[in-house]
Amino acid sequence: MTVMPIEDASLEELVERSRQGDLEAFSGIVRRLHGEVRGFLAMMAVTPDWIDDVAQEVFIEVYRGLARFEADRSLLKWVRGVARNVVRRHGERQSRESRLRQDAVSQWLRRRQEEKAVESDETGSPLEALRKCLDRLPEHLRRVLKLQVAEGMTSSAIAKIMERSADAVRMALMRARGLLQECVQSQVRP
């Protein structure tokens, strides 16, 4: 029996050959669907920096799951379903990592502030300066900071409460931190 070249084989034939362990056939599937998957990931708002990594993860999952693929279904639709699941897991992982980084930074800042307050119990302490600077922030920036730091809310959750976009909330947080840093540095004696 003659094996059809990868370029001439249908997707169905490539799936069957891939199920039998033919990596070259699976490579043919990847080449044919790679552009579709990348476009789908972009539509699902995967950031451009992550599209290649997520697409690779999608095809790894497709390869692992080929035995579950029903041949009477559309391969592209099935791959898109796999991509949705991979994007969801990727988003959860990114969110978890972001929270962990924020928690670590917040804990470090609290420790530093407590250490500085103990070292310098005078009115010129960094903690006292921070309190004064927080009072000087515009109300909306104080509120955004409070929701994120004290309440532990994400920028998306804050955006819903404040009826703003998540990007606007992130910009407000960045602005608030910058203003606080400048203010504290100008207040604390070297």
N, C-alpha and C. Protein backbone atom coordinates (compact mmCIF):
# COMPACT_ATOMS: atom_id res chain seq x y z
N MET A 1 0.84 -1.17 0.00
CA MET A 1 0.00 0.00 0.00
C MET A 1 0.89 1.25 0.00
N THR A 2 0.59 2.16 -0.90
CA THR A 2 1.37 3.37 -1.01
C THR A 2 0.82 4.43 -0.06
N VAL A 3 1.73 5.07 0.66
CA VAL A 3 1.32 6.12 1.59
C VAL A 3 1.33 7.45 0.85
N MET A 4 0.19 8.14 0.94
CA MET A 4 0.05 9.42 0.26
C MET A 4 0.94 10.46 0.91
N PRO A 5 1.60 11.31 0.11
CA PRO A 5 2.43 12.37 0.68
C PRO A 5 1.58 13.29 1.57
N ILE A 6 2.22 13.84 2.58
CA ILE A 6 1.54 14.70 3.56
C ILE A 6 0.80 15.84 2.86
N GLU A 7 1.43 16.46 1.88
CA GLU A 7 0.83 17.61 1.21
C GLU A 7 -0.46 17.25 0.51
N ASP A 8 -0.59 16.02 0.03
CA ASP A 8 -1.77 15.60 -0.74
C ASP A 8 -2.84 14.94 0.13
N ALA A 9 -2.51 14.59 1.36
CA ALA A 9 -3.45 13.86 2.22
C ALA A 9 -4.51 14.82 2.78
N SER A 10 -5.71 14.29 2.98
CA SER A 10 -6.78 15.08 3.61
C SER A 10 -6.52 15.16 5.11
N LEU A 11 -7.20 16.09 5.76
CA LEU A 11 -7.07 16.19 7.22
C LEU A 11 -7.48 14.89 7.89
N GLU A 12 -8.53 14.25 7.37
CA GLU A 12 -9.00 12.99 7.96
C GLU A 12 -7.91 11.92 7.90
N GLU A 13 -7.23 11.85 6.74
CA GLU A 13 -6.15 10.88 6.59
C GLU A 13 -4.99 11.22 7.53
N LEU A 14 -4.70 12.51 7.66
CA LEU A 14 -3.62 12.91 8.56
C LEU A 14 -3.95 12.57 10.00
N VAL A 15 -5.22 12.73 10.39
CA VAL A 15 -5.63 12.37 11.75
C VAL A 15 -5.42 10.87 11.96
N GLU A 16 -5.87 10.06 11.02
CA GLU A 16 -5.71 8.60 11.16
C GLU A 16 -4.25 8.21 11.26
N ARG A 17 -3.42 8.78 10.41
CA ARG A 17 -1.99 8.47 10.44
C ARG A 17 -1.36 8.96 11.75
N SER A 18 -1.82 10.11 12.24
CA SER A 18 -1.29 10.65 13.51
C SER A 18 -1.66 9.74 14.66
N ARG A 19 -2.88 9.23 14.64
CA ARG A 19 -3.33 8.31 15.70
C ARG A 19 -2.47 7.05 15.74
N GLN A 20 -1.90 6.70 14.60
CA GLN A 20 -1.05 5.51 14.53
C GLN A 20 0.41 5.84 14.84
N GLY A 21 0.66 7.09 15.27
CA GLY A 21 2.01 7.45 15.70
C GLY A 21 2.85 8.13 14.64
N ASP A 22 2.26 8.49 13.50
CA ASP A 22 3.01 9.15 12.44
C ASP A 22 3.16 10.64 12.77
N LEU A 23 4.33 11.01 13.30
CA LEU A 23 4.57 12.40 13.69
C LEU A 23 4.62 13.34 12.50
N GLU A 24 5.06 12.83 11.36
CA GLU A 24 5.10 13.66 10.15
C GLU A 24 3.67 14.03 9.73
N ALA A 25 2.74 13.11 9.91
CA ALA A 25 1.33 13.40 9.58
C ALA A 25 0.79 14.46 10.54
N PHE A 26 1.15 14.33 11.82
CA PHE A 26 0.67 15.35 12.77
C PHE A 26 1.30 16.70 12.44
N SER A 27 2.54 16.68 12.02
CA SER A 27 3.19 17.92 11.61
C SER A 27 2.41 18.56 10.45
N GLY A 28 1.87 17.74 9.56
CA GLY A 28 1.04 18.25 8.46
C GLY A 28 -0.23 18.91 8.98
N ILE A 29 -0.83 18.34 10.03
CA ILE A 29 -2.02 18.94 10.65
C ILE A 29 -1.65 20.31 11.22
N VAL A 30 -0.54 20.35 11.92
CA VAL A 30 -0.10 21.61 12.54
C VAL A 30 0.11 22.66 11.45
N ARG A 31 0.81 22.29 10.37
CA ARG A 31 1.07 23.27 9.30
C ARG A 31 -0.24 23.79 8.70
N ARG A 32 -1.20 22.92 8.52
CA ARG A 32 -2.47 23.34 7.89
C ARG A 32 -3.33 24.19 8.82
N LEU A 33 -3.29 23.92 10.11
CA LEU A 33 -4.20 24.61 11.03
C LEU A 33 -3.53 25.72 11.85
N HIS A 34 -2.23 25.85 11.73
CA HIS A 34 -1.50 26.80 12.57
C HIS A 34 -2.03 28.23 12.42
N GLY A 35 -2.22 28.69 11.20
CA GLY A 35 -2.73 30.04 10.97
C GLY A 35 -4.12 30.23 11.54
N GLU A 36 -4.98 29.23 11.35
CA GLU A 36 -6.34 29.27 11.90
C GLU A 36 -6.32 29.37 13.42
N VAL A 37 -5.46 28.57 14.05
CA VAL A 37 -5.39 28.57 15.51
C VAL A 37 -4.85 29.91 16.01
N ARG A 38 -3.82 30.43 15.38
CA ARG A 38 -3.27 31.73 15.80
C ARG A 38 -4.33 32.83 15.67
N GLY A 39 -5.07 32.83 14.56
CA GLY A 39 -6.13 33.82 14.38
C GLY A 39 -7.22 33.68 15.43
N PHE A 40 -7.58 32.44 15.74
CA PHE A 40 -8.61 32.18 16.76
C PHE A 40 -8.14 32.67 18.12
N LEU A 41 -6.86 32.43 18.44
CA LEU A 41 -6.32 32.88 19.72
C LEU A 41 -6.32 34.40 19.80
N ALA A 42 -6.00 35.06 18.70
CA ALA A 42 -6.04 36.53 18.68
C ALA A 42 -7.47 37.02 18.90
N MET A 43 -8.44 36.33 18.30
CA MET A 43 -9.85 36.71 18.51
C MET A 43 -10.26 36.50 19.97
N MET A 44 -9.64 35.56 20.63
CA MET A 44 -9.96 35.29 22.03
C MET A 44 -9.15 36.19 22.97
N ALA A 45 -8.50 37.20 22.40
CA ALA A 45 -7.79 38.24 23.15
C ALA A 45 -6.54 37.72 23.86
N VAL A 46 -5.91 36.70 23.31
CA VAL A 46 -4.62 36.28 23.83
C VAL A 46 -3.62 37.35 23.38
N THR A 47 -2.81 37.84 24.30
CA THR A 47 -1.88 38.92 23.94
C THR A 47 -0.87 38.41 22.91
N PRO A 48 -0.47 39.29 21.99
CA PRO A 48 0.45 38.87 20.93
C PRO A 48 1.72 38.19 21.44
N ASP A 49 2.21 38.62 22.60
CA ASP A 49 3.42 38.01 23.16
C ASP A 49 3.22 36.54 23.53
N TRP A 50 1.99 36.15 23.77
CA TRP A 50 1.70 34.80 24.23
C TRP A 50 1.12 33.89 23.15
N ILE A 51 0.76 34.42 21.99
CA ILE A 51 0.07 33.60 20.98
C ILE A 51 0.87 32.37 20.59
N ASP A 52 2.17 32.51 20.32
CA ASP A 52 2.97 31.36 19.91
C ASP A 52 3.00 30.28 20.99
N ASP A 53 3.20 30.69 22.25
CA ASP A 53 3.25 29.72 23.34
C ASP A 53 1.92 29.02 23.52
N VAL A 54 0.84 29.78 23.47
CA VAL A 54 -0.49 29.19 23.66
C VAL A 54 -0.83 28.28 22.47
N ALA A 55 -0.47 28.70 21.25
CA ALA A 55 -0.72 27.86 20.08
C ALA A 55 0.03 26.53 20.21
N GLN A 56 1.25 26.60 20.69
CA GLN A 56 2.03 25.36 20.88
C GLN A 56 1.34 24.47 21.90
N GLU A 57 0.85 25.06 22.98
CA GLU A 57 0.14 24.28 24.00
C GLU A 57 -1.13 23.66 23.42
N VAL A 58 -1.82 24.41 22.55
CA VAL A 58 -3.04 23.89 21.90
C VAL A 58 -2.69 22.63 21.11
N PHE A 59 -1.63 22.70 20.30
CA PHE A 59 -1.29 21.54 19.46
C PHE A 59 -0.78 20.36 20.29
N ILE A 60 -0.16 20.63 21.42
CA ILE A 60 0.23 19.52 22.31
C ILE A 60 -1.03 18.83 22.82
N GLU A 61 -2.02 19.63 23.23
CA GLU A 61 -3.28 19.06 23.72
C GLU A 61 -4.02 18.32 22.60
N VAL A 62 -3.98 18.85 21.38
CA VAL A 62 -4.62 18.19 20.24
C VAL A 62 -3.96 16.83 20.03
N TYR A 63 -2.64 16.78 20.05
CA TYR A 63 -1.94 15.52 19.84
C TYR A 63 -2.31 14.50 20.92
N ARG A 64 -2.31 14.96 22.17
CA ARG A 64 -2.66 14.05 23.27
C ARG A 64 -4.10 13.56 23.18
N GLY A 65 -4.98 14.39 22.63
CA GLY A 65 -6.40 14.05 22.60
C GLY A 65 -6.91 13.46 21.31
N LEU A 66 -6.04 13.19 20.35
CA LEU A 66 -6.50 12.66 19.06
C LEU A 66 -7.32 11.38 19.19
N ALA A 67 -7.02 10.58 20.18
CA ALA A 67 -7.77 9.33 20.36
C ALA A 67 -9.24 9.61 20.71
N ARG A 68 -9.50 10.78 21.32
CA ARG A 68 -10.88 11.13 21.69
C ARG A 68 -11.63 11.84 20.56
N PHE A 69 -10.91 12.28 19.55
CA PHE A 69 -11.55 13.00 18.45
C PHE A 69 -12.43 12.05 17.65
N GLU A 70 -13.67 12.47 17.43
CA GLU A 70 -14.62 11.67 16.65
C GLU A 70 -14.50 12.07 15.19
N ALA A 71 -14.19 11.11 14.34
CA ALA A 71 -13.89 11.38 12.94
C ALA A 71 -15.04 12.01 12.17
N ASP A 72 -16.27 11.86 12.66
CA ASP A 72 -17.41 12.45 11.94
C ASP A 72 -17.59 13.93 12.26
N ARG A 73 -16.79 14.49 13.16
CA ARG A 73 -16.84 15.91 13.51
C ARG A 73 -15.84 16.69 12.68
N SER A 74 -15.99 18.00 12.70
CA SER A 74 -15.03 18.88 12.03
C SER A 74 -13.78 18.99 12.91
N LEU A 75 -12.64 18.69 12.31
CA LEU A 75 -11.38 18.78 13.06
C LEU A 75 -11.13 20.21 13.52
N LEU A 76 -11.39 21.18 12.65
CA LEU A 76 -11.14 22.58 13.01
C LEU A 76 -12.01 23.00 14.20
N LYS A 77 -13.28 22.61 14.21
CA LYS A 77 -14.15 22.96 15.35
C LYS A 77 -13.64 22.30 16.63
N TRP A 78 -13.20 21.06 16.52
CA TRP A 78 -12.69 20.36 17.70
C TRP A 78 -11.41 21.04 18.21
N VAL A 79 -10.54 21.43 17.30
CA VAL A 79 -9.29 22.11 17.68
C VAL A 79 -9.62 23.45 18.35
N ARG A 80 -10.63 24.15 17.84
CA ARG A 80 -11.03 25.41 18.47
C ARG A 80 -11.55 25.18 19.89
N GLY A 81 -12.27 24.09 20.10
CA GLY A 81 -12.72 23.74 21.46
C GLY A 81 -11.54 23.49 22.38
N VAL A 82 -10.54 22.79 21.87
CA VAL A 82 -9.32 22.56 22.64
C VAL A 82 -8.66 23.90 22.95
N ALA A 83 -8.61 24.78 21.94
CA ALA A 83 -7.99 26.10 22.12
C ALA A 83 -8.73 26.90 23.20
N ARG A 84 -10.05 26.85 23.21
CA ARG A 84 -10.82 27.56 24.25
C ARG A 84 -10.39 27.10 25.64
N ASN A 85 -10.29 25.80 25.81
CA ASN A 85 -9.89 25.25 27.12
C ASN A 85 -8.46 25.66 27.49
N VAL A 86 -7.57 25.65 26.53
CA VAL A 86 -6.18 26.03 26.79
C VAL A 86 -6.13 27.52 27.16
N VAL A 87 -6.89 28.36 26.44
CA VAL A 87 -6.89 29.80 26.73
C VAL A 87 -7.46 30.04 28.13
N ARG A 88 -8.50 29.33 28.50
CA ARG A 88 -9.09 29.48 29.84
C ARG A 88 -8.06 29.13 30.90
N ARG A 89 -7.38 28.00 30.73
CA ARG A 89 -6.35 27.60 31.71
C ARG A 89 -5.20 28.60 31.73
N HIS A 90 -4.82 29.08 30.56
CA HIS A 90 -3.74 30.07 30.47
C HIS A 90 -4.13 31.34 31.23
N GLY A 91 -5.37 31.79 31.05
CA GLY A 91 -5.85 32.98 31.75
C GLY A 91 -5.86 32.79 33.26
N GLU A 92 -6.31 31.61 33.69
CA GLU A 92 -6.33 31.32 35.13
C GLU A 92 -4.90 31.31 35.69
N ARG A 93 -3.99 30.72 34.93
CA ARG A 93 -2.59 30.63 35.38
C ARG A 93 -1.98 32.03 35.45
N GLN A 94 -2.24 32.86 34.43
CA GLN A 94 -1.71 34.23 34.43
C GLN A 94 -2.28 35.02 35.59
N SER A 95 -3.58 34.87 35.84
CA SER A 95 -4.23 35.59 36.93
C SER A 95 -3.65 35.17 38.27
N ARG A 96 -3.45 33.87 38.45
CA ARG A 96 -2.89 33.35 39.69
C ARG A 96 -1.47 33.87 39.89
N GLU A 97 -0.67 33.85 38.83
CA GLU A 97 0.70 34.34 38.93
C GLU A 97 0.73 35.83 39.23
N SER A 98 -0.17 36.57 38.63
CA SER A 98 -0.25 38.02 38.87
C SER A 98 -0.60 38.29 40.33
N ARG A 99 -1.59 37.54 40.85
CA ARG A 99 -1.97 37.72 42.26
C ARG A 99 -0.82 37.38 43.18
N LEU A 100 -0.10 36.33 42.87
CA LEU A 100 1.04 35.93 43.71
C LEU A 100 2.11 37.01 43.71
N ARG A 101 2.38 37.59 42.52
CA ARG A 101 3.37 38.67 42.45
C ARG A 101 2.91 39.88 43.23
N GLN A 102 1.63 40.24 43.08
CA GLN A 102 1.10 41.40 43.80
C GLN A 102 1.15 41.16 45.31
N ASP A 103 0.79 39.96 45.74
CA ASP A 103 0.85 39.64 47.16
C ASP A 103 2.27 39.74 47.68
N ALA A 104 3.22 39.21 46.92
CA ALA A 104 4.61 39.25 47.36
C ALA A 104 5.10 40.69 47.47
N VAL A 105 4.76 41.51 46.49
CA VAL A 105 5.18 42.91 46.52
C VAL A 105 4.51 43.63 47.68
N SER A 106 3.23 43.40 47.87
CA SER A 106 2.51 44.05 48.97
C SER A 106 3.10 43.65 50.32
N GLN A 107 3.39 42.37 50.50
CA GLN A 107 3.98 41.93 51.75
C GLN A 107 5.35 42.55 51.96
N TRP A 108 6.14 42.63 50.91
CA TRP A 108 7.46 43.24 51.02
C TRP A 108 7.33 44.71 51.40
N LEU A 109 6.40 45.42 50.73
CA LEU A 109 6.21 46.84 51.04
C LEU A 109 5.77 47.03 52.49
N ARG A 110 4.84 46.19 52.95
CA ARG A 110 4.38 46.29 54.35
C ARG A 110 5.54 46.07 55.31
N ARG A 111 6.35 45.04 55.06
CA ARG A 111 7.50 44.77 55.93
C ARG A 111 8.46 45.93 55.94
N ARG A 112 8.75 46.46 54.74
CA ARG A 112 9.67 47.61 54.65
C ARG A 112 9.10 48.81 55.42
N GLN A 113 7.81 49.04 55.28
CA GLN A 113 7.20 50.18 55.97
C GLN A 113 7.25 49.97 57.48
N GLU A 114 6.99 48.75 57.93
CA GLU A 114 7.03 48.47 59.36
C GLU A 114 8.45 48.61 59.89
N GLU A 115 9.44 48.12 59.12
CA GLU A 115 10.84 48.25 59.54
C GLU A 115 11.23 49.71 59.64
N LYS A 116 10.86 50.49 58.64
CA LYS A 116 11.20 51.92 58.64
C LYS A 116 10.50 52.65 59.77
N ALA A 117 9.25 52.26 60.06
CA ALA A 117 8.51 52.91 61.14
C ALA A 117 9.16 52.61 62.49
N VAL A 118 9.66 51.38 62.66
CA VAL A 118 10.32 51.01 63.90
C VAL A 118 11.65 51.74 64.01
N GLU A 119 12.40 51.80 62.89
CA GLU A 119 13.70 52.48 62.89
C GLU A 119 13.55 53.96 63.22
N SER A 120 12.52 54.55 62.67
CA SER A 120 12.35 55.99 62.82
C SER A 120 10.93 56.27 63.29
N ASP A 121 10.76 56.40 64.57
CA ASP A 121 9.44 56.59 65.15
C ASP A 121 9.07 58.07 65.20
N GLU A 122 9.75 58.88 64.43
CA GLU A 122 9.49 60.31 64.43
C GLU A 122 8.48 60.66 63.34
N THR A 123 8.06 61.89 63.30
CA THR A 123 7.05 62.31 62.34
C THR A 123 7.55 62.25 60.91
N GLY A 124 8.83 62.19 60.68
CA GLY A 124 9.38 62.12 59.33
C GLY A 124 9.54 60.69 58.83
N SER A 125 8.91 59.71 59.46
CA SER A 125 9.07 58.32 59.06
C SER A 125 8.37 58.06 57.72
N PRO A 126 8.86 57.05 57.00
CA PRO A 126 8.22 56.71 55.72
C PRO A 126 6.74 56.36 55.89
N LEU A 127 6.39 55.69 56.97
CA LEU A 127 5.00 55.32 57.19
C LEU A 127 4.13 56.56 57.37
N GLU A 128 4.63 57.51 58.14
CA GLU A 128 3.89 58.76 58.34
C GLU A 128 3.78 59.53 57.02
N ALA A 129 4.86 59.54 56.26
CA ALA A 129 4.85 60.21 54.96
C ALA A 129 3.85 59.55 54.02
N LEU A 130 3.80 58.23 54.06
CA LEU A 130 2.85 57.51 53.22
C LEU A 130 1.42 57.87 53.59
N ARG A 131 1.14 57.93 54.89
CA ARG A 131 -0.21 58.31 55.33
C ARG A 131 -0.59 59.69 54.82
N LYS A 132 0.33 60.64 54.95
CA LYS A 132 0.06 62.00 54.48
C LYS A 132 -0.14 62.03 52.97
N CYS A 133 0.69 61.29 52.28
CA CYS A 133 0.60 61.27 50.81
C CYS A 133 -0.70 60.61 50.34
N LEU A 134 -1.11 59.57 51.04
CA LEU A 134 -2.39 58.94 50.70
C LEU A 134 -3.54 59.93 50.85
N ASP A 135 -3.49 60.74 51.90
CA ASP A 135 -4.54 61.74 52.12
C ASP A 135 -4.55 62.78 51.01
N ARG A 136 -3.42 63.02 50.39
CA ARG A 136 -3.33 64.04 49.34
C ARG A 136 -3.79 63.54 47.97
N LEU A 137 -3.87 62.23 47.81
CA LEU A 137 -4.29 61.68 46.52
C LEU A 137 -5.74 62.07 46.21
N PRO A 138 -6.06 62.26 44.95
CA PRO A 138 -7.46 62.49 44.59
C PRO A 138 -8.31 61.30 45.05
N GLU A 139 -9.55 61.54 45.39
CA GLU A 139 -10.44 60.52 45.96
C GLU A 139 -10.52 59.27 45.08
N HIS A 140 -10.67 59.46 43.77
CA HIS A 140 -10.84 58.28 42.91
C HIS A 140 -9.58 57.41 42.90
N LEU A 141 -8.39 58.01 43.03
CA LEU A 141 -7.16 57.21 43.07
C LEU A 141 -7.03 56.49 44.41
N ARG A 142 -7.42 57.16 45.50
CA ARG A 142 -7.42 56.50 46.82
C ARG A 142 -8.36 55.29 46.80
N ARG A 143 -9.52 55.48 46.19
CA ARG A 143 -10.52 54.40 46.16
C ARG A 143 -9.99 53.20 45.37
N VAL A 144 -9.39 53.46 44.23
CA VAL A 144 -8.85 52.37 43.40
C VAL A 144 -7.78 51.62 44.17
N LEU A 145 -6.87 52.35 44.82
CA LEU A 145 -5.82 51.70 45.62
C LEU A 145 -6.40 50.86 46.75
N LYS A 146 -7.39 51.43 47.44
CA LYS A 146 -8.01 50.71 48.56
C LYS A 146 -8.64 49.41 48.08
N LEU A 147 -9.36 49.47 46.96
CA LEU A 147 -10.01 48.27 46.45
C LEU A 147 -8.99 47.20 46.06
N GLN A 148 -7.86 47.64 45.50
CA GLN A 148 -6.87 46.65 45.09
C GLN A 148 -6.06 46.13 46.28
N VAL A 149 -5.53 47.04 47.09
CA VAL A 149 -4.62 46.63 48.16
C VAL A 149 -5.36 46.06 49.36
N ALA A 150 -6.34 46.81 49.87
CA ALA A 150 -7.04 46.38 51.09
C ALA A 150 -8.06 45.27 50.81
N GLU A 151 -8.76 45.39 49.67
CA GLU A 151 -9.81 44.42 49.36
C GLU A 151 -9.29 43.25 48.50
N GLY A 152 -8.11 43.42 47.91
CA GLY A 152 -7.53 42.36 47.10
C GLY A 152 -8.25 42.13 45.78
N MET A 153 -8.90 43.14 45.26
CA MET A 153 -9.68 42.99 44.03
C MET A 153 -8.78 43.13 42.80
N THR A 154 -9.19 42.48 41.72
CA THR A 154 -8.48 42.60 40.45
C THR A 154 -8.91 43.88 39.76
N SER A 155 -8.13 44.30 38.77
CA SER A 155 -8.48 45.51 38.04
C SER A 155 -9.80 45.34 37.29
N SER A 156 -10.11 44.12 36.85
CA SER A 156 -11.39 43.86 36.17
C SER A 156 -12.56 44.03 37.13
N ALA A 157 -12.41 43.52 38.35
CA ALA A 157 -13.47 43.65 39.35
C ALA A 157 -13.66 45.12 39.75
N ILE A 158 -12.56 45.83 39.90
CA ILE A 158 -12.64 47.25 40.24
C ILE A 158 -13.31 48.02 39.11
N ALA A 159 -12.99 47.65 37.88
CA ALA A 159 -13.56 48.32 36.71
C ALA A 159 -15.09 48.20 36.72
N LYS A 160 -15.59 47.04 37.08
CA LYS A 160 -17.05 46.85 37.13
C LYS A 160 -17.68 47.75 38.18
N ILE A 161 -17.05 47.81 39.35
CA ILE A 161 -17.58 48.64 40.43
C ILE A 161 -17.56 50.11 40.05
N MET A 162 -16.46 50.54 39.45
CA MET A 162 -16.30 51.96 39.15
C MET A 162 -16.84 52.35 37.77
N GLU A 163 -17.38 51.35 37.06
CA GLU A 163 -17.94 51.56 35.72
C GLU A 163 -16.92 52.20 34.78
N ARG A 164 -15.73 51.58 34.76
CA ARG A 164 -14.64 52.02 33.89
C ARG A 164 -14.06 50.78 33.23
N SER A 165 -13.18 50.97 32.29
CA SER A 165 -12.53 49.82 31.67
C SER A 165 -11.40 49.33 32.58
N ALA A 166 -11.04 48.06 32.42
CA ALA A 166 -9.94 47.50 33.22
C ALA A 166 -8.64 48.22 32.90
N ASP A 167 -8.45 48.63 31.65
CA ASP A 167 -7.24 49.38 31.28
C ASP A 167 -7.20 50.72 32.01
N ALA A 168 -8.36 51.40 32.11
CA ALA A 168 -8.41 52.68 32.82
C ALA A 168 -8.07 52.49 34.29
N VAL A 169 -8.53 51.39 34.87
CA VAL A 169 -8.22 51.11 36.28
C VAL A 169 -6.73 50.85 36.45
N ARG A 170 -6.15 50.08 35.55
CA ARG A 170 -4.71 49.80 35.64
C ARG A 170 -3.90 51.10 35.50
N MET A 171 -4.33 51.96 34.61
CA MET A 171 -3.64 53.26 34.45
C MET A 171 -3.78 54.09 35.73
N ALA A 172 -4.97 54.09 36.33
CA ALA A 172 -5.18 54.84 37.58
C ALA A 172 -4.29 54.28 38.69
N LEU A 173 -4.18 52.95 38.77
CA LEU A 173 -3.31 52.35 39.78
C LEU A 173 -1.86 52.75 39.56
N MET A 174 -1.44 52.72 38.31
CA MET A 174 -0.06 53.10 38.00
C MET A 174 0.19 54.57 38.36
N ARG A 175 -0.78 55.42 38.04
CA ARG A 175 -0.65 56.84 38.35
C ARG A 175 -0.60 57.06 39.87
N ALA A 176 -1.49 56.37 40.60
CA ALA A 176 -1.55 56.51 42.06
C ALA A 176 -0.22 56.08 42.69
N ARG A 177 0.32 54.96 42.24
CA ARG A 177 1.60 54.49 42.80
C ARG A 177 2.72 55.48 42.50
N GLY A 178 2.72 56.01 41.28
CA GLY A 178 3.74 56.99 40.91
C GLY A 178 3.66 58.25 41.76
N LEU A 179 2.43 58.74 41.96
CA LEU A 179 2.25 59.94 42.79
C LEU A 179 2.67 59.67 44.23
N LEU A 180 2.29 58.50 44.74
CA LEU A 180 2.68 58.16 46.11
C LEU A 180 4.20 58.08 46.26
N GLN A 181 4.84 57.44 45.30
CA GLN A 181 6.29 57.30 45.37
C GLN A 181 6.98 58.67 45.37
N GLU A 182 6.56 59.53 44.45
CA GLU A 182 7.15 60.87 44.39
C GLU A 182 6.92 61.62 45.71
N CYS A 183 5.70 61.55 46.21
CA CYS A 183 5.34 62.27 47.42
C CYS A 183 6.14 61.77 48.62
N VAL A 184 6.20 60.45 48.79
CA VAL A 184 6.93 59.88 49.94
C VAL A 184 8.41 60.23 49.86
N GLN A 185 8.98 60.13 48.67
CA GLN A 185 10.40 60.44 48.52
C GLN A 185 10.69 61.90 48.87
N SER A 186 9.77 62.77 48.53
CA SER A 186 9.99 64.18 48.85
C SER A 186 9.81 64.48 50.33
N GLN A 187 9.09 63.63 51.05
CA GLN A 187 8.80 63.87 52.47
C GLN A 187 9.82 63.23 53.40
N VAL A 188 10.35 62.10 53.01
CA VAL A 188 11.25 61.35 53.89
C VAL A 188 12.64 61.94 53.83
N ARG A 189 13.20 62.16 54.98
CA ARG A 189 14.57 62.69 55.05
C ARG A 189 15.56 61.59 54.72
N PRO A 190 16.62 61.90 53.96
CA PRO A 190 17.61 60.86 53.60
C PRO A 190 18.43 60.41 54.78
